Amino acid sequence: MKLRTKLIIAFLTVLLLPIILGSAMIYLVGSYQISAIEKTYQISGTTVESLSNSMQTLSSLTEEPYHDLVAMAANQPEEMGDATALDGFNQILQEKNAYLLVRKSDTVIYVGTDMKEAGNVISELPEYGGAETTSENGIYLGGDAQALVKQVDFLFPDGGEGSAFIVSDIRKTIPEIGEFLIDVLFCVGFILIFTAAVMTFWIYRSVMQPLRKMQIAAKNIKEGNLDFELKPVADDEMGRLSQDLEEMRIRLRDNAEEKLRYDKESKELISNISHDLKTPVTAIKGYAEGIMDGVADTPEKMQKYIRTIYNKADEMNTLINELTFYSKIDTNRIPYNFNTLSVNDYFEDCAEDLSLELEAKNVEFGYFNYVEKDVKVIADAEQIKRVIHNIVNNSLKYMDKPKAKINLRVKDVGDFVQVELEDNGKGIAAKDLPNIFDRFYRTDASRNSSKGGSGIGLSIVKKIIEEHGGKIWATSREETGTTMCFVLRKYQEVPIYE
């Protein structure tokens, strides 16, 4: 899951989950508190909406005492002046956070609470006859009174006008309502903290788990340890970052291995050059000393010594030229000159040059062309000629037959032109065949320099062919001969439609 998706989910969860859970918790706590209030205050029909309305709640609390007061005033008016009876009734009201006031004419004859508390209410009480407007819902006295008053008018036994008031102090709400509000705030706070903690842990874990692995990987890379694997833990931004780090590790490891391989090859190159140069240098030195010491005391010996020195010097020059050329081609410093070449014309010229060269060396040469006249390739003529000569020279180098033969065949193989150079030499062992195009590889472990060469001729051939977009391979049978094959892509003109 993407980190962006996780953040969106976390946002929606933090936004919606508290609302859903909060609503459920308010409903459960509210139901419990309503049940407790109805049981405590002996009322019914209470709802969360009515609890939120303090006037309605206080009115419902004194609803039953109000009706009892009405009945008492109508049926037993003498008790409205009896302090004992009024105290008993007032005690019931106090359990419901209310108290009783009784007034006869303009004089308050009973106060069911502290006079200081009731003073502001007494001054605001409605006149006799106000019961017709207050009804059982009561009237609200504002100002300093802040009370809900229910009025019952009656006549005392002596004919005096009397009014009884049930007073509920607005400032003394039901304690359970406060508890309910506290519980709601606690639940909402807990849900918000819990949701935020869970989402924070989820995001933190999804980020820190792969981050720790990447930190360990970075430490290993810094210390040069590249032999480990960093597996992405998820398909998200952190996972892709882990994948990029893993690809970087692989590339660094490959570069390090390639550097080690190049270092090894460089050491091998130095060793090979030293070995290959030592023999001709020794020979040159020996024959030069023979001339200086007068060993070559006849014109024939002198001629032989000088010829040997020249040949050995020429062998060294060839070796140095091959190494120089390979160094340039290996670092892509050879400027190729690609042109469109006619296959027939080009390979006929190559065959003619090879025929003259091999005839002088008493080697039988055969040329076979199976390609149509209009077939062309794009190639560097000079470098392809170098390829052919390197292969031929390699064949001659290891020729062991008294009657040497080399055949050049050119074939049409679809989108490519295939060139084959076949010899009847001693062949190549199957175990050596896969390695013959590796640089400095020789099938003779002793590196007998009597065969000449640097061991990089075929690696040069492979490099040139690959940079022409082709490929090269070999087939061979020991004691029978070897066939070197390479292909070049045909040149095809693309028609232009007007």
Foldseek 3Di string as FASTA:
>chain_A
DALVVLVVVLVVCLVVVLVVQLVVQLVVLQVVLVVVCCVQLVFDPDDPVQLVPQLSVLLRSCLVLLVVVQCCQVPPVQCLLPPVSQQVSQVNLVSSQKGKWKDWQLRTRDTGDDCVLCVVVSVVDDHAPCLVVQDSSADADDDPNQWGKHKHWHAHPVRITMIMIIIHHSVDGDVSSVVSVVSSVVSSVVSSVVSVVVSVVVSCCLPVVLVVLVVVLVVCVVVVNLPDAQQQPDPYPSSVVSVVSRVVSVVVVVVVVVVVVVVVVVVVLVVLLCVLLVVLVVLLVVLVVCVVVCVQVDPVSVVVSVVSNVVSVVLNVVQVVVVVVCVCLVVVNDDADKDKAFPVVLVVVLQVVVVVVVVVVQAAEAEEEDDDRPWIFIGRSVLVSLLVVLVVLVQVLQADDPHKYWYWYWDDDDQKIKIKIKIFGQKDDPVCQVPQLPAQDDRDPVVPCVSGDRSNSSVSSQSRLVVQVKGKGKDIDGNGIIMIMIIHGIDDDDDDDD
